[in-house]
Amino acid sequence: VSDPRISTGTGIETERTGKLFERLGFKGAGLMF
């Protein structure tokens, strides 16, 4: 896999989790509704 993806959709500490993903090299790639 050249581009592993990860998301947060549980509503548990969403902002904190997103910041963690960014610190680990992930970049935003869309939105979940």
ModelCIF file with pLDDT and N, C-alpha, C, O atoms, coordinates in Angstrom:
data_MODEL
#
_entry.id   MODEL 
#
_entity.id                         1 
_entity.type                       polymer 
_entity.pdbx_number_of_molecules   1 
#
_entity_poly.entity_id                      1 
_entity_poly.type                           'polypeptide(L)' 
_entity_poly.nstd_linkage                   no 
_entity_poly.nstd_monomer                   no 
_entity_poly.pdbx_seq_one_letter_code       VSDPRISTGTGIETERTGKLFERLGFKGAGLMF 
_entity_poly.pdbx_seq_one_letter_code_can   VSDPRISTGTGIETERTGKLFERLGFKGAGLMF 
_entity_poly.pdbx_strand_id                 A 
#
loop_
_entity_poly_seq.entity_id 
_entity_poly_seq.num 
_entity_poly_seq.mon_id 
_entity_poly_seq.hetero 
1 1  VAL n 
1 2  SER n 
1 3  ASP n 
1 4  PRO n 
1 5  ARG n 
1 6  ILE n 
1 7  SER n 
1 8  THR n 
1 9  GLY n 
1 10 THR n 
1 11 GLY n 
1 12 ILE n 
1 13 GLU n 
1 14 THR n 
1 15 GLU n 
1 16 ARG n 
1 17 THR n 
1 18 GLY n 
1 19 LYS n 
1 20 LEU n 
1 21 PHE n 
1 22 GLU n 
1 23 ARG n 
1 24 LEU n 
1 25 GLY n 
1 26 PHE n 
1 27 LYS n 
1 28 GLY n 
1 29 ALA n 
1 30 GLY n 
1 31 LEU n 
1 32 MET n 
1 33 PHE n 
#
_struct_asym.id          A 
_struct_asym.entity_id   1 
#
loop_
_ma_qa_metric.id 
_ma_qa_metric.mode 
_ma_qa_metric.name 
_ma_qa_metric.software_group_id 
_ma_qa_metric.type 
1 global pLDDT . pLDDT 
2 local  pLDDT . pLDDT 
#
_ma_qa_metric_global.metric_id      1 
_ma_qa_metric_global.metric_value   92.70 
_ma_qa_metric_global.model_id       1 
_ma_qa_metric_global.ordinal_id     1 
#
loop_
_ma_qa_metric_local.label_asym_id 
_ma_qa_metric_local.label_comp_id 
_ma_qa_metric_local.label_seq_id 
_ma_qa_metric_local.metric_id 
_ma_qa_metric_local.metric_value 
_ma_qa_metric_local.model_id 
_ma_qa_metric_local.ordinal_id 
A VAL 1  2 97.00 1 1  
A SER 2  2 93.00 1 2  
A ASP 3  2 94.00 1 3  
A PRO 4  2 97.00 1 4  
A ARG 5  2 96.00 1 5  
A ILE 6  2 97.00 1 6  
A SER 7  2 94.00 1 7  
A THR 8  2 92.00 1 8  
A GLY 9  2 89.00 1 9  
A THR 10 2 91.00 1 10 
A GLY 11 2 89.00 1 11 
A ILE 12 2 91.00 1 12 
A GLU 13 2 90.00 1 13 
A THR 14 2 91.00 1 14 
A GLU 15 2 92.00 1 15 
A ARG 16 2 94.00 1 16 
A THR 17 2 94.00 1 17 
A GLY 18 2 94.00 1 18 
A LYS 19 2 95.00 1 19 
A LEU 20 2 96.00 1 20 
A PHE 21 2 96.00 1 21 
A GLU 22 2 96.00 1 22 
A ARG 23 2 96.00 1 23 
A LEU 24 2 97.00 1 24 
A GLY 25 2 96.00 1 25 
A PHE 26 2 96.00 1 26 
A LYS 27 2 95.00 1 27 
A GLY 28 2 91.00 1 28 
A ALA 29 2 91.00 1 29 
A GLY 30 2 87.00 1 30 
A LEU 31 2 84.00 1 31 
A MET 32 2 83.00 1 32 
A PHE 33 2 85.00 1 33 
#
loop_
_atom_site.group_PDB 
_atom_site.id 
_atom_site.type_symbol 
_atom_site.label_atom_id 
_atom_site.label_alt_id 
_atom_site.label_comp_id 
_atom_site.label_asym_id 
_atom_site.label_entity_id 
_atom_site.label_seq_id 
_atom_site.pdbx_PDB_ins_code 
_atom_site.Cartn_x 
_atom_site.Cartn_y 
_atom_site.Cartn_z 
_atom_site.occupancy 
_atom_site.B_iso_or_equiv 
_atom_site.pdbx_formal_charge 
_atom_site.auth_seq_id 
_atom_site.auth_comp_id 
_atom_site.auth_asym_id 
_atom_site.auth_atom_id 
_atom_site.pdbx_PDB_model_num 
ATOM 1   N N  . VAL A 1 1  ? 0.862   -1.187 0.000  1.00 97.00 ? 1  VAL A N  1 
ATOM 2   C CA . VAL A 1 1  ? 0.000   0.000  0.000  1.00 97.00 ? 1  VAL A CA 1 
ATOM 3   C C  . VAL A 1 1  ? 0.898   1.237  0.000  1.00 97.00 ? 1  VAL A C  1 
ATOM 4   O O  . VAL A 1 1  ? 1.736   1.398  0.887  1.00 97.00 ? 1  VAL A O  1 
ATOM 5   N N  . SER A 1 2  ? 0.724   2.105  -0.992 1.00 93.00 ? 2  SER A N  1 
ATOM 6   C CA . SER A 1 2  ? 1.559   3.308  -1.045 1.00 93.00 ? 2  SER A CA 1 
ATOM 7   C C  . SER A 1 2  ? 0.964   4.463  -0.242 1.00 93.00 ? 2  SER A C  1 
ATOM 8   O O  . SER A 1 2  ? 1.682   5.395  0.121  1.00 93.00 ? 2  SER A O  1 
ATOM 9   N N  . ASP A 1 3  ? -0.325  4.414  0.034  1.00 94.00 ? 3  ASP A N  1 
ATOM 10  C CA . ASP A 1 3  ? -0.999  5.527  0.705  1.00 94.00 ? 3  ASP A CA 1 
ATOM 11  C C  . ASP A 1 3  ? -1.995  4.998  1.747  1.00 94.00 ? 3  ASP A C  1 
ATOM 12  O O  . ASP A 1 3  ? -3.204  5.073  1.525  1.00 94.00 ? 3  ASP A O  1 
ATOM 13  N N  . PRO A 1 4  ? -1.510  4.465  2.879  1.00 97.00 ? 4  PRO A N  1 
ATOM 14  C CA . PRO A 1 4  ? -2.440  3.993  3.909  1.00 97.00 ? 4  PRO A CA 1 
ATOM 15  C C  . PRO A 1 4  ? -3.332  5.140  4.389  1.00 97.00 ? 4  PRO A C  1 
ATOM 16  O O  . PRO A 1 4  ? -2.881  6.279  4.503  1.00 97.00 ? 4  PRO A O  1 
ATOM 17  N N  . ARG A 1 5  ? -4.595  4.831  4.666  1.00 96.00 ? 5  ARG A N  1 
ATOM 18  C CA . ARG A 1 5  ? -5.537  5.845  5.144  1.00 96.00 ? 5  ARG A CA 1 
ATOM 19  C C  . ARG A 1 5  ? -6.055  5.485  6.523  1.00 96.00 ? 5  ARG A C  1 
ATOM 20  O O  . ARG A 1 5  ? -6.126  4.316  6.903  1.00 96.00 ? 5  ARG A O  1 
ATOM 21  N N  . ILE A 1 6  ? -6.414  6.524  7.257  1.00 97.00 ? 6  ILE A N  1 
ATOM 22  C CA . ILE A 1 6  ? -6.943  6.346  8.605  1.00 97.00 ? 6  ILE A CA 1 
ATOM 23  C C  . ILE A 1 6  ? -7.970  7.443  8.847  1.00 97.00 ? 6  ILE A C  1 
ATOM 24  O O  . ILE A 1 6  ? -7.872  8.528  8.274  1.00 97.00 ? 6  ILE A O  1 
ATOM 25  N N  . SER A 1 7  ? -8.943  7.164  9.684  1.00 94.00 ? 7  SER A N  1 
ATOM 26  C CA . SER A 1 7  ? -10.000 8.149  9.905  1.00 94.00 ? 7  SER A CA 1 
ATOM 27  C C  . SER A 1 7  ? -10.463 8.114  11.351 1.00 94.00 ? 7  SER A C  1 
ATOM 28  O O  . SER A 1 7  ? -10.073 7.242  12.127 1.00 94.00 ? 7  SER A O  1 
ATOM 29  N N  . THR A 1 8  ? -11.293 9.067  11.690 1.00 92.00 ? 8  THR A N  1 
ATOM 30  C CA . THR A 1 8  ? -11.945 9.076  12.983 1.00 92.00 ? 8  THR A CA 1 
ATOM 31  C C  . THR A 1 8  ? -13.408 9.423  12.763 1.00 92.00 ? 8  THR A C  1 
ATOM 32  O O  . THR A 1 8  ? -13.726 10.497 12.253 1.00 92.00 ? 8  THR A O  1 
ATOM 33  N N  . GLY A 1 9  ? -14.284 8.527  13.140 1.00 89.00 ? 9  GLY A N  1 
ATOM 34  C CA . GLY A 1 9  ? -15.711 8.749  12.924 1.00 89.00 ? 9  GLY A CA 1 
ATOM 35  C C  . GLY A 1 9  ? -16.551 8.414  14.140 1.00 89.00 ? 9  GLY A C  1 
ATOM 36  O O  . GLY A 1 9  ? -17.779 8.415  14.068 1.00 89.00 ? 9  GLY A O  1 
ATOM 37  N N  . THR A 1 10 ? -15.892 8.124  15.268 1.00 91.00 ? 10 THR A N  1 
ATOM 38  C CA . THR A 1 10 ? -16.623 7.702  16.460 1.00 91.00 ? 10 THR A CA 1 
ATOM 39  C C  . THR A 1 10 ? -17.164 8.856  17.280 1.00 91.00 ? 10 THR A C  1 
ATOM 40  O O  . THR A 1 10 ? -18.072 8.679  18.093 1.00 91.00 ? 10 THR A O  1 
ATOM 41  N N  . GLY A 1 11 ? -16.600 10.050 17.065 1.00 89.00 ? 11 GLY A N  1 
ATOM 42  C CA . GLY A 1 11 ? -16.971 11.185 17.903 1.00 89.00 ? 11 GLY A CA 1 
ATOM 43  C C  . GLY A 1 11 ? -16.196 11.215 19.212 1.00 89.00 ? 11 GLY A C  1 
ATOM 44  O O  . GLY A 1 11 ? -16.494 12.034 20.081 1.00 89.00 ? 11 GLY A O  1 
ATOM 45  N N  . ILE A 1 12 ? -15.216 10.346 19.372 1.00 91.00 ? 12 ILE A N  1 
ATOM 46  C CA . ILE A 1 12 ? -14.388 10.312 20.584 1.00 91.00 ? 12 ILE A CA 1 
ATOM 47  C C  . ILE A 1 12 ? -13.138 11.153 20.345 1.00 91.00 ? 12 ILE A C  1 
ATOM 48  O O  . ILE A 1 12 ? -12.284 10.782 19.540 1.00 91.00 ? 12 ILE A O  1 
ATOM 49  N N  . GLU A 1 13 ? -13.028 12.262 21.028 1.00 90.00 ? 13 GLU A N  1 
ATOM 50  C CA . GLU A 1 13 ? -11.840 13.127 20.954 1.00 90.00 ? 13 GLU A CA 1 
ATOM 51  C C  . GLU A 1 13 ? -11.391 13.350 19.511 1.00 90.00 ? 13 GLU A C  1 
ATOM 52  O O  . GLU A 1 13 ? -10.222 13.158 19.174 1.00 90.00 ? 13 GLU A O  1 
ATOM 53  N N  . THR A 1 14 ? -12.329 13.754 18.675 1.00 91.00 ? 14 THR A N  1 
ATOM 54  C CA . THR A 1 14 ? -12.089 13.873 17.238 1.00 91.00 ? 14 THR A CA 1 
ATOM 55  C C  . THR A 1 14 ? -10.934 14.824 16.912 1.00 91.00 ? 14 THR A C  1 
ATOM 56  O O  . THR A 1 14 ? -10.048 14.472 16.134 1.00 91.00 ? 14 THR A O  1 
ATOM 57  N N  . GLU A 1 15 ? -10.937 16.015 17.494 1.00 92.00 ? 15 GLU A N  1 
ATOM 58  C CA . GLU A 1 15 ? -9.871  16.976 17.178 1.00 92.00 ? 15 GLU A CA 1 
ATOM 59  C C  . GLU A 1 15 ? -8.511  16.469 17.626 1.00 92.00 ? 15 GLU A C  1 
ATOM 60  O O  . GLU A 1 15 ? -7.530  16.580 16.891 1.00 92.00 ? 15 GLU A O  1 
ATOM 61  N N  . ARG A 1 16 ? -8.449  15.921 18.816 1.00 94.00 ? 16 ARG A N  1 
ATOM 62  C CA . ARG A 1 16 ? -7.184  15.397 19.347 1.00 94.00 ? 16 ARG A CA 1 
ATOM 63  C C  . ARG A 1 16 ? -6.670  14.256 18.467 1.00 94.00 ? 16 ARG A C  1 
ATOM 64  O O  . ARG A 1 16 ? -5.476  14.175 18.180 1.00 94.00 ? 16 ARG A O  1 
ATOM 65  N N  . THR A 1 17 ? -7.572  13.387 18.046 1.00 94.00 ? 17 THR A N  1 
ATOM 66  C CA . THR A 1 17 ? -7.188  12.263 17.198 1.00 94.00 ? 17 THR A CA 1 
ATOM 67  C C  . THR A 1 17 ? -6.701  12.762 15.846 1.00 94.00 ? 17 THR A C  1 
ATOM 68  O O  . THR A 1 17 ? -5.699  12.272 15.325 1.00 94.00 ? 17 THR A O  1 
ATOM 69  N N  . GLY A 1 18 ? -7.405  13.734 15.274 1.00 94.00 ? 18 GLY A N  1 
ATOM 70  C CA . GLY A 1 18 ? -6.974  14.303 13.994 1.00 94.00 ? 18 GLY A CA 1 
ATOM 71  C C  . GLY A 1 18 ? -5.590  14.922 14.080 1.00 94.00 ? 18 GLY A C  1 
ATOM 72  O O  . GLY A 1 18 ? -4.773  14.758 13.174 1.00 94.00 ? 18 GLY A O  1 
ATOM 73  N N  . LYS A 1 19 ? -5.327  15.633 15.167 1.00 95.00 ? 19 LYS A N  1 
ATOM 74  C CA . LYS A 1 19 ? -3.995  16.233 15.348 1.00 95.00 ? 19 LYS A CA 1 
ATOM 75  C C  . LYS A 1 19 ? -2.920  15.155 15.477 1.00 95.00 ? 19 LYS A C  1 
ATOM 76  O O  . LYS A 1 19 ? -1.807  15.315 14.977 1.00 95.00 ? 19 LYS A O  1 
ATOM 77  N N  . LEU A 1 20 ? -3.258  14.071 16.143 1.00 96.00 ? 20 LEU A N  1 
ATOM 78  C CA . LEU A 1 20 ? -2.310  12.958 16.247 1.00 96.00 ? 20 LEU A CA 1 
ATOM 79  C C  . LEU A 1 20 ? -2.003  12.400 14.867 1.00 96.00 ? 20 LEU A C  1 
ATOM 80  O O  . LEU A 1 20 ? -0.839  12.183 14.528 1.00 96.00 ? 20 LEU A O  1 
ATOM 81  N N  . PHE A 1 21 ? -3.039  12.166 14.067 1.00 96.00 ? 21 PHE A N  1 
ATOM 82  C CA . PHE A 1 21 ? -2.824  11.636 12.722 1.00 96.00 ? 21 PHE A CA 1 
ATOM 83  C C  . PHE A 1 21 ? -1.927  12.574 11.910 1.00 96.00 ? 21 PHE A C  1 
ATOM 84  O O  . PHE A 1 21 ? -1.040  12.112 11.193 1.00 96.00 ? 21 PHE A O  1 
ATOM 85  N N  . GLU A 1 22 ? -2.151  13.871 12.017 1.00 96.00 ? 22 GLU A N  1 
ATOM 86  C CA . GLU A 1 22 ? -1.309  14.830 11.296 1.00 96.00 ? 22 GLU A CA 1 
ATOM 87  C C  . GLU A 1 22 ? 0.134   14.765 11.786 1.00 96.00 ? 22 GLU A C  1 
ATOM 88  O O  . GLU A 1 22 ? 1.057   14.811 10.972 1.00 96.00 ? 22 GLU A O  1 
ATOM 89  N N  . ARG A 1 23 ? 0.349   14.660 13.096 1.00 96.00 ? 23 ARG A N  1 
ATOM 90  C CA . ARG A 1 23 ? 1.713   14.548 13.628 1.00 96.00 ? 23 ARG A CA 1 
ATOM 91  C C  . ARG A 1 23 ? 2.406   13.289 13.118 1.00 96.00 ? 23 ARG A C  1 
ATOM 92  O O  . ARG A 1 23 ? 3.632   13.247 13.005 1.00 96.00 ? 23 ARG A O  1 
ATOM 93  N N  . LEU A 1 24 ? 1.608   12.262 12.810 1.00 97.00 ? 24 LEU A N  1 
ATOM 94  C CA . LEU A 1 24 ? 2.175   11.002 12.327 1.00 97.00 ? 24 LEU A CA 1 
ATOM 95  C C  . LEU A 1 24 ? 2.282   10.950 10.802 1.00 97.00 ? 24 LEU A C  1 
ATOM 96  O O  . LEU A 1 24 ? 2.560   9.895  10.233 1.00 97.00 ? 24 LEU A O  1 
ATOM 97  N N  . GLY A 1 25 ? 2.063   12.085 10.147 1.00 96.00 ? 25 GLY A N  1 
ATOM 98  C CA . GLY A 1 25 ? 2.306   12.191 8.713  1.00 96.00 ? 25 GLY A CA 1 
ATOM 99  C C  . GLY A 1 25 ? 1.092   12.146 7.810  1.00 96.00 ? 25 GLY A C  1 
ATOM 100 O O  . GLY A 1 25 ? 1.223   12.296 6.595  1.00 96.00 ? 25 GLY A O  1 
ATOM 101 N N  . PHE A 1 26 ? -0.085  11.944 8.376  1.00 96.00 ? 26 PHE A N  1 
ATOM 102 C CA . PHE A 1 26 ? -1.291  11.899 7.549  1.00 96.00 ? 26 PHE A CA 1 
ATOM 103 C C  . PHE A 1 26 ? -1.761  13.317 7.228  1.00 96.00 ? 26 PHE A C  1 
ATOM 104 O O  . PHE A 1 26 ? -1.526  14.256 7.987  1.00 96.00 ? 26 PHE A O  1 
ATOM 105 N N  . LYS A 1 27 ? -2.422  13.442 6.100  1.00 95.00 ? 27 LYS A N  1 
ATOM 106 C CA . LYS A 1 27 ? -2.979  14.724 5.670  1.00 95.00 ? 27 LYS A CA 1 
ATOM 107 C C  . LYS A 1 27 ? -4.471  14.533 5.392  1.00 95.00 ? 27 LYS A C  1 
ATOM 108 O O  . LYS A 1 27 ? -4.905  13.453 4.993  1.00 95.00 ? 27 LYS A O  1 
ATOM 109 N N  . GLY A 1 28 ? -5.237  15.584 5.604  1.00 91.00 ? 28 GLY A N  1 
ATOM 110 C CA . GLY A 1 28 ? -6.667  15.514 5.320  1.00 91.00 ? 28 GLY A CA 1 
ATOM 111 C C  . GLY A 1 28 ? -6.918  15.100 3.881  1.00 91.00 ? 28 GLY A C  1 
ATOM 112 O O  . GLY A 1 28 ? -6.243  15.565 2.962  1.00 91.00 ? 28 GLY A O  1 
ATOM 113 N N  . ALA A 1 29 ? -7.898  14.220 3.692  1.00 91.00 ? 29 ALA A N  1 
ATOM 114 C CA . ALA A 1 29 ? -8.182  13.712 2.344  1.00 91.00 ? 29 ALA A CA 1 
ATOM 115 C C  . ALA A 1 29 ? -9.683  13.582 2.138  1.00 91.00 ? 29 ALA A C  1 
ATOM 116 O O  . ALA A 1 29 ? -10.160 12.571 1.621  1.00 91.00 ? 29 ALA A O  1 
ATOM 117 N N  . GLY A 1 30 ? -10.418 14.594 2.537  1.00 87.00 ? 30 GLY A N  1 
ATOM 118 C CA . GLY A 1 30 ? -11.867 14.537 2.363  1.00 87.00 ? 30 GLY A CA 1 
ATOM 119 C C  . GLY A 1 30 ? -12.579 14.762 3.675  1.00 87.00 ? 30 GLY A C  1 
ATOM 120 O O  . GLY A 1 30 ? -11.961 15.117 4.678  1.00 87.00 ? 30 GLY A O  1 
ATOM 121 N N  . LEU A 1 31 ? -13.857 14.559 3.663  1.00 84.00 ? 31 LEU A N  1 
ATOM 122 C CA . LEU A 1 31 ? -14.704 14.757 4.837  1.00 84.00 ? 31 LEU A CA 1 
ATOM 123 C C  . LEU A 1 31 ? -15.642 13.575 4.983  1.00 84.00 ? 31 LEU A C  1 
ATOM 124 O O  . LEU A 1 31 ? -15.972 12.913 3.999  1.00 84.00 ? 31 LEU A O  1 
ATOM 125 N N  . MET A 1 32 ? -16.069 13.309 6.198  1.00 83.00 ? 32 MET A N  1 
ATOM 126 C CA . MET A 1 32 ? -17.061 12.271 6.448  1.00 83.00 ? 32 MET A CA 1 
ATOM 127 C C  . MET A 1 32 ? -18.338 12.966 6.931  1.00 83.00 ? 32 MET A C  1 
ATOM 128 O O  . MET A 1 32 ? -18.279 13.885 7.748  1.00 83.00 ? 32 MET A O  1 
ATOM 129 N N  . PHE A 1 33 ? -19.474 12.527 6.428  1.00 85.00 ? 33 PHE A N  1 
ATOM 130 C CA . PHE A 1 33 ? -20.764 13.098 6.815  1.00 85.00 ? 33 PHE A CA 1 
ATOM 131 C C  . PHE A 1 33 ? -21.666 11.984 7.293  1.00 85.00 ? 33 PHE A C  1 
ATOM 132 O O  . PHE A 1 33 ? -22.811 12.235 7.670  1.00 85.00 ? 33 PHE A O  1 
#
